[in-house]
Amino acid sequence: MARRRPDESDVRIRPSRSTRPRSKDRPEHKNAISAQVVTVDRGRTLCKTESGIFVNAMKARELGKNSVVVGDHVNLVGDTTGAEGSLARIVAVQHRRNFLSRTIDDAGAFEKTIAANIDQMVIVAASANPEPRHGFIDRCLAVAFDQNIVPIIIMTKSDLSDPTEFLETYSSLDVVTFATQRGADLSNIVTQLANKTSVLIGHSGVGKSTLVNALLGEEHRATGNVNDATGRGRHTSSSAISFDLPHGGNIIDTPGVRSFGLEHIDKNRVIGSFPELQPGIALCPKNCSHDEEMCGLNDFISGRPELQRRVAGLRRLLAASSQPLM
């Protein structure tokens, strides 16, 4: 008996899982409420609604990884009661007026956003133990000027070393500076931070968490010591978190950092933060680095000491943004 050749009737076609065509339309979430992100930790986000309720939430899948940071204003749907065990969903991130980020070079440089919607960047450095570094502070200042964030420098541990000479470097940049120590009067700093959103950034071991606890009047952050062998502090804060200040405003405490890359910043925005130098910059040749013999700023500031100090400050920032990670 001859074998039958297979035909179309022998092919079994698997029916589609759904007869409804996939829609490109997304829900409008008209009933979503607005909230601000307080902290992000292991896939869960703590948000504070406009009515002051703290709500746990998870991100909608379409937002993608690392799309929500502390300080973001987001739209929430689902269970927004804040009751124990409740979980809402973040469906949108509202427009950011600015953000703080740094370039990380672990496995190919990539930009990591730390916080968003910031009024002031508080750069915390120790007067000693560990020794302060101009390079790190210059990098932070470059980011602040790039994002139109008001920079502030706070030197802790001033009882160990006088930071006056170190801070003199930044007088030409009109940066507000403070020197403090454990147990000192913080009233001037409290006034500076009142009714603002301020982000604290600094190396591990410089006393950020101690400063946060002093400003809040309670022990909110664990504190640690500096390693005598390496001169570095250990990380006592593992994630960024926002705290409400007793006198209005809030502070965002960030984990201690050991590198601060600037490959992502726009140098033109840094330069634009010096409006009084723009007439001189207009005289520069094309693609001027602003630190060369033919730079138009050289003639513009001749015989003008105050502008000379401002140009020196600008050149420090531009040089900091061109240095390798450290």
Protein backbone atom coordinates (compact mmCIF):
# COMPACT_ATOMS: atom_id res chain seq x y z
CA MET A 1 0.00 0.00 0.00
CA ALA A 2 1.44 3.35 -1.07
CA ARG A 3 2.16 5.95 1.63
CA ARG A 4 -0.09 9.01 1.52
CA ARG A 5 1.62 12.30 1.02
CA PRO A 6 0.82 14.85 3.75
CA ASP A 7 -1.34 17.79 2.74
CA GLU A 8 -2.72 20.95 4.34
CA SER A 9 -5.23 19.02 6.45
CA ASP A 10 -2.36 17.49 8.41
CA VAL A 11 -1.10 20.86 9.68
CA ARG A 12 -2.55 21.84 13.05
CA ILE A 13 -2.70 25.59 13.58
CA ARG A 14 -2.59 26.74 17.20
CA PRO A 15 -5.37 29.25 17.86
CA SER A 16 -4.30 32.67 19.12
CA ARG A 17 -4.46 33.21 22.84
CA SER A 18 -6.71 36.20 22.40
CA THR A 19 -9.10 37.16 19.70
CA ARG A 20 -8.91 40.82 20.72
CA PRO A 21 -6.23 42.77 18.83
CA ARG A 22 -3.57 44.45 20.96
CA SER A 23 -4.27 48.13 21.46
CA LYS A 24 -1.61 50.81 21.45
CA ASP A 25 -3.81 53.02 23.59
CA ARG A 26 -2.84 53.36 27.23
CA PRO A 27 -5.17 54.10 30.15
CA GLU A 28 -5.48 57.81 30.90
CA HIS A 29 -5.61 57.28 34.68
CA LYS A 30 -7.85 60.32 35.14
CA ASN A 31 -8.30 59.45 38.81
CA ALA A 32 -4.56 59.40 39.56
CA ILE A 33 -3.38 61.54 42.48
CA SER A 34 -0.12 63.45 42.77
CA ALA A 35 2.60 62.55 45.30
CA GLN A 36 6.30 63.15 45.89
CA VAL A 37 8.83 60.33 46.20
CA VAL A 38 10.40 60.08 49.65
CA THR A 39 12.65 57.06 49.10
CA VAL A 40 13.19 54.18 46.68
CA ASP A 41 14.34 50.86 48.10
CA ARG A 42 14.42 47.39 46.51
CA GLY A 43 11.58 47.86 44.07
CA ARG A 44 9.28 49.66 46.48
CA THR A 45 8.75 53.41 46.55
CA LEU A 46 7.52 55.44 49.51
CA CYS A 47 5.54 58.51 48.40
CA LYS A 48 3.93 61.40 50.25
CA THR A 49 0.65 62.65 48.85
CA GLU A 50 -0.41 66.30 48.80
CA SER A 51 -2.61 65.58 51.82
CA GLY A 52 0.39 64.28 53.79
CA ILE A 53 -0.37 60.53 53.58
CA PHE A 54 2.59 58.17 53.13
CA VAL A 55 1.84 55.54 50.48
CA ASN A 56 3.85 52.49 49.44
CA ALA A 57 3.90 51.99 45.69
CA MET A 58 5.46 50.03 42.88
CA LYS A 59 6.30 51.31 39.40
CA ALA A 60 4.27 50.47 36.33
CA ARG A 61 6.34 48.21 34.10
CA GLU A 62 6.35 50.62 31.18
CA LEU A 63 8.22 53.25 33.22
CA GLY A 64 11.35 51.13 33.08
CA LYS A 65 14.24 50.57 35.46
CA ASN A 66 15.65 53.46 37.52
CA SER A 67 12.95 55.81 36.20
CA VAL A 68 11.85 57.07 39.63
CA VAL A 69 14.12 58.86 42.12
CA VAL A 70 13.72 60.73 45.39
CA GLY A 71 12.18 64.14 44.85
CA ASP A 72 10.17 63.11 41.80
CA HIS A 73 6.53 64.17 41.55
CA VAL A 74 4.56 61.12 40.39
CA ASN A 75 0.98 60.06 39.60
CA LEU A 76 -0.47 57.25 41.72
CA VAL A 77 -3.41 54.91 41.14
CA GLY A 78 -4.77 51.97 43.11
CA ASP A 79 -4.84 51.82 46.89
CA THR A 80 -3.59 55.23 48.02
CA THR A 81 -4.99 55.05 51.57
CA GLY A 82 -1.60 54.38 53.10
CA ALA A 83 -3.08 51.58 55.21
CA GLU A 84 -0.75 48.81 56.38
CA GLY A 85 -0.20 46.27 53.61
CA SER A 86 -1.64 48.56 50.91
CA LEU A 87 0.20 49.07 47.62
CA ALA A 88 -0.40 51.73 44.98
CA ARG A 89 1.08 51.95 41.49
CA ILE A 90 3.14 54.76 39.95
CA VAL A 91 1.86 55.31 36.42
CA ALA A 92 3.69 58.51 35.44
CA VAL A 93 6.61 60.70 36.45
CA GLN A 94 5.88 64.41 36.15
CA HIS A 95 8.29 66.84 34.50
CA ARG A 96 11.55 67.39 36.41
CA ARG A 97 12.74 70.99 36.66
CA ASN A 98 16.25 69.71 37.38
CA PHE A 99 18.05 66.64 38.69
CA LEU A 100 21.28 65.57 40.35
CA SER A 101 23.17 62.78 38.64
CA ARG A 102 26.69 61.46 38.31
CA THR A 103 28.57 59.34 35.82
CA ILE A 104 29.56 55.90 37.10
CA ASP A 105 32.32 53.92 35.40
CA ASP A 106 31.80 50.42 36.81
CA ALA A 107 31.28 48.64 33.50
CA GLY A 108 31.21 51.32 30.85
CA ALA A 109 30.27 54.84 31.85
CA PHE A 110 26.58 55.40 32.51
CA GLU A 111 24.63 58.20 34.14
CA LYS A 112 22.89 57.56 37.46
CA THR A 113 20.27 60.02 38.67
CA ILE A 114 20.27 60.50 42.46
CA ALA A 115 17.50 63.04 43.13
CA ALA A 116 15.20 65.46 41.32
CA ASN A 117 13.48 68.85 41.73
CA ILE A 118 16.17 70.38 43.95
CA ASP A 119 16.58 73.97 45.15
CA GLN A 120 19.95 73.63 46.90
CA MET A 121 22.90 71.24 46.79
CA VAL A 122 24.61 70.96 50.17
CA ILE A 123 28.16 69.69 49.65
CA VAL A 124 29.36 68.25 52.94
CA ALA A 125 33.11 67.86 53.51
CA ALA A 126 35.16 67.27 56.63
CA SER A 127 37.82 69.74 57.70
CA ALA A 128 39.92 66.70 58.62
CA ASN A 129 39.56 62.93 58.95
CA PRO A 130 39.06 62.44 56.03
CA GLU A 131 40.98 65.33 54.48
CA PRO A 132 38.86 67.57 52.22
CA ARG A 133 39.39 67.41 48.45
CA HIS A 134 39.02 70.36 46.12
CA GLY A 135 38.49 68.01 43.18
CA PHE A 136 35.34 66.45 44.58
CA ILE A 137 33.83 69.79 45.57
CA ASP A 138 34.66 71.30 42.17
CA ARG A 139 32.82 68.42 40.49
CA CYS A 140 29.76 68.92 42.65
CA LEU A 141 29.79 72.64 41.89
CA ALA A 142 29.96 71.93 38.16
CA VAL A 143 26.80 69.81 38.42
CA ALA A 144 25.08 72.50 40.48
CA PHE A 145 25.86 75.20 37.90
CA ASP A 146 24.81 72.84 35.09
CA GLN A 147 21.39 72.20 36.68
CA ASN A 148 20.77 75.72 38.06
CA ILE A 149 20.93 74.45 41.66
CA VAL A 150 22.17 76.79 44.41
CA PRO A 151 25.37 75.26 45.88
CA ILE A 152 26.26 75.38 49.58
CA ILE A 153 29.42 74.02 51.22
CA ILE A 154 29.33 72.80 54.82
CA MET A 155 32.64 71.88 56.44
CA THR A 156 32.18 69.53 59.41
CA LYS A 157 34.69 68.65 62.14
CA SER A 158 36.00 72.23 62.27
CA ASP A 159 37.27 71.49 65.78
CA LEU A 160 39.92 69.25 64.20
CA SER A 161 41.16 71.79 61.64
CA ASP A 162 40.31 75.36 60.62
CA PRO A 163 38.71 75.21 57.11
CA THR A 164 38.99 78.98 56.42
CA GLU A 165 41.93 78.71 54.02
CA PHE A 166 40.38 75.74 52.22
CA LEU A 167 37.09 77.62 51.71
CA GLU A 168 38.81 80.77 50.43
CA THR A 169 39.14 79.01 47.07
CA TYR A 170 35.39 79.32 46.53
CA SER A 171 34.93 82.98 47.50
CA SER A 172 35.08 84.03 43.82
CA LEU A 173 32.12 81.76 43.00
CA ASP A 174 29.81 83.41 45.55
CA VAL A 175 29.14 80.03 47.17
CA VAL A 176 27.58 80.12 50.64
CA THR A 177 29.82 78.28 53.11
CA PHE A 178 29.51 77.12 56.72
CA ALA A 179 31.91 75.56 59.22
CA THR A 180 30.48 73.43 62.01
CA GLN A 181 31.25 70.65 64.45
CA ARG A 182 29.37 68.17 66.61
CA GLY A 183 27.19 70.00 69.12
CA ALA A 184 27.60 73.41 67.46
CA ASP A 185 24.79 75.94 66.97
CA LEU A 186 23.17 75.20 63.58
CA SER A 187 20.76 78.14 63.50
CA ASN A 188 22.43 79.75 60.45
CA ILE A 189 22.28 76.49 58.54
CA VAL A 190 18.65 75.93 59.57
CA THR A 191 17.77 79.38 58.20
CA GLN A 192 19.54 78.61 54.91
CA LEU A 193 17.63 75.33 54.46
CA ALA A 194 14.19 76.55 55.57
CA ASN A 195 11.39 76.12 53.02
CA LYS A 196 13.77 74.69 50.41
CA THR A 197 14.41 71.24 49.00
CA SER A 198 18.08 70.59 49.66
CA VAL A 199 20.11 67.51 48.75
CA LEU A 200 23.15 66.54 50.85
CA ILE A 201 26.09 64.95 49.08
CA GLY A 202 29.56 64.04 50.28
CA HIS A 203 32.14 61.32 50.78
CA SER A 204 31.51 58.57 53.31
CA GLY A 205 32.66 59.48 56.80
CA VAL A 206 32.40 63.27 56.51
CA GLY A 207 29.48 63.47 58.96
CA LYS A 208 26.45 63.80 56.69
CA SER A 209 24.28 61.52 58.78
CA THR A 210 25.39 63.24 61.99
CA LEU A 211 24.43 66.57 60.45
CA VAL A 212 21.04 65.22 59.36
CA ASN A 213 20.30 63.95 62.87
CA ALA A 214 21.26 67.31 64.37
CA LEU A 215 19.03 69.22 61.94
CA LEU A 216 16.07 66.92 62.56
CA GLY A 217 16.55 66.73 66.32
CA GLU A 218 16.29 62.93 66.29
CA GLU A 219 18.38 59.90 65.37
CA HIS A 220 17.10 59.18 61.87
CA ARG A 221 20.35 58.03 60.24
CA ALA A 222 23.00 55.62 61.48
CA THR A 223 26.47 57.09 61.88
CA GLY A 224 29.88 55.50 61.36
CA ASN A 225 33.60 56.09 61.81
CA VAL A 226 36.45 56.65 59.39
CA ASN A 227 38.80 53.73 58.71
CA ASP A 228 42.23 54.68 60.10
CA ALA A 229 44.03 52.60 57.45
CA THR A 230 42.27 53.88 54.33
CA GLY A 231 41.11 57.30 55.51
CA ARG A 232 37.66 56.53 54.15
CA GLY A 233 34.34 56.25 55.89
CA ARG A 234 32.03 53.29 55.67
CA HIS A 235 28.63 53.62 54.08
CA THR A 236 25.98 54.11 56.77
CA SER A 237 23.23 55.21 54.36
CA SER A 238 22.32 52.69 51.65
CA SER A 239 19.66 54.71 49.84
CA ALA A 240 18.60 58.32 49.34
CA ILE A 241 15.74 59.47 51.55
CA SER A 242 13.89 62.76 52.05
CA PHE A 243 13.13 64.17 55.50
CA ASP A 244 10.80 67.03 56.42
CA LEU A 245 12.61 69.78 58.32
CA PRO A 246 11.04 71.08 61.55
CA HIS A 247 11.17 74.67 60.25
CA GLY A 248 9.81 73.94 56.77
CA GLY A 249 11.33 72.45 53.65
CA ASN A 250 13.05 69.09 53.39
CA ILE A 251 16.49 67.58 53.03
CA ILE A 252 17.43 64.61 50.88
CA ASP A 253 20.24 62.57 52.43
CA THR A 254 22.18 60.48 49.90
CA PRO A 255 24.57 57.55 50.34
CA GLY A 256 28.22 58.52 50.65
CA VAL A 257 29.99 58.56 47.29
CA ARG A 258 33.58 57.77 46.40
CA SER A 259 33.53 58.91 42.77
CA PHE A 260 31.65 61.62 40.93
CA GLY A 261 31.96 61.49 37.13
CA LEU A 262 30.81 64.41 34.98
CA GLU A 263 30.69 63.03 31.45
CA HIS A 264 26.98 63.84 31.33
CA ILE A 265 27.11 67.58 32.06
CA ASP A 266 26.74 70.32 29.47
CA LYS A 267 29.70 72.68 29.78
CA ASN A 268 27.80 75.38 27.91
CA ARG A 269 25.27 75.51 30.74
CA VAL A 270 28.10 75.83 33.27
CA ILE A 271 29.55 78.71 31.25
CA GLY A 272 26.10 80.27 30.96
CA SER A 273 25.94 80.48 34.75
CA PHE A 274 28.46 83.36 34.60
CA PRO A 275 26.41 86.08 32.85
CA GLU A 276 28.91 88.82 33.65
CA LEU A 277 31.54 86.97 31.58
CA GLN A 278 29.42 86.57 28.44
CA PRO A 279 30.77 89.71 26.70
CA GLY A 280 34.29 88.29 27.01
CA ILE A 281 33.22 84.80 25.92
CA ALA A 282 31.71 86.35 22.78
CA LEU A 283 35.28 87.37 21.80
CA CYS A 284 36.57 83.80 22.01
CA PRO A 285 37.57 81.84 18.88
CA LYS A 286 35.41 78.91 17.79
CA ASN A 287 35.63 75.85 20.08
CA CYS A 288 37.60 77.82 22.67
CA SER A 289 38.34 75.86 25.85
CA HIS A 290 38.41 79.18 27.77
CA ASP A 291 41.80 78.27 29.18
CA GLU A 292 44.15 79.01 26.30
CA GLU A 293 46.29 81.88 25.05
CA MET A 294 43.77 83.09 22.45
CA CYS A 295 40.79 82.99 24.84
CA GLY A 296 38.78 86.22 24.64
CA LEU A 297 38.43 86.25 28.41
CA ASN A 298 42.11 87.07 28.84
CA ASP A 299 41.77 90.60 27.42
CA PHE A 300 38.27 91.06 28.85
CA ILE A 301 39.41 90.63 32.46
CA SER A 302 42.70 92.51 32.14
CA GLY A 303 42.96 95.01 34.99
CA ARG A 304 39.68 93.81 36.56
CA PRO A 305 40.61 91.77 39.68
CA GLU A 306 37.05 90.77 40.59
CA LEU A 307 36.40 89.33 37.12
CA GLN A 308 39.82 87.65 37.18
CA ARG A 309 38.74 85.71 40.27
CA ARG A 310 35.43 84.77 38.58
CA VAL A 311 37.24 83.48 35.49
CA ALA A 312 39.62 81.50 37.70
CA GLY A 313 36.57 79.90 39.33
CA LEU A 314 34.96 79.12 35.95
CA ARG A 315 38.16 77.52 34.71
CA ARG A 316 38.34 75.37 37.84
CA LEU A 317 34.84 74.04 37.13
CA LEU A 318 35.58 73.37 33.47
CA ALA A 319 38.83 71.61 34.40
CA ALA A 320 37.01 69.51 37.00
CA SER A 321 34.49 68.31 34.42
CA SER A 322 37.32 67.11 32.17
CA GLN A 323 39.23 65.10 34.76
CA PRO A 324 39.02 61.28 35.00
CA LEU A 325 36.82 59.73 37.66
CA MET A 326 38.24 59.99 41.17
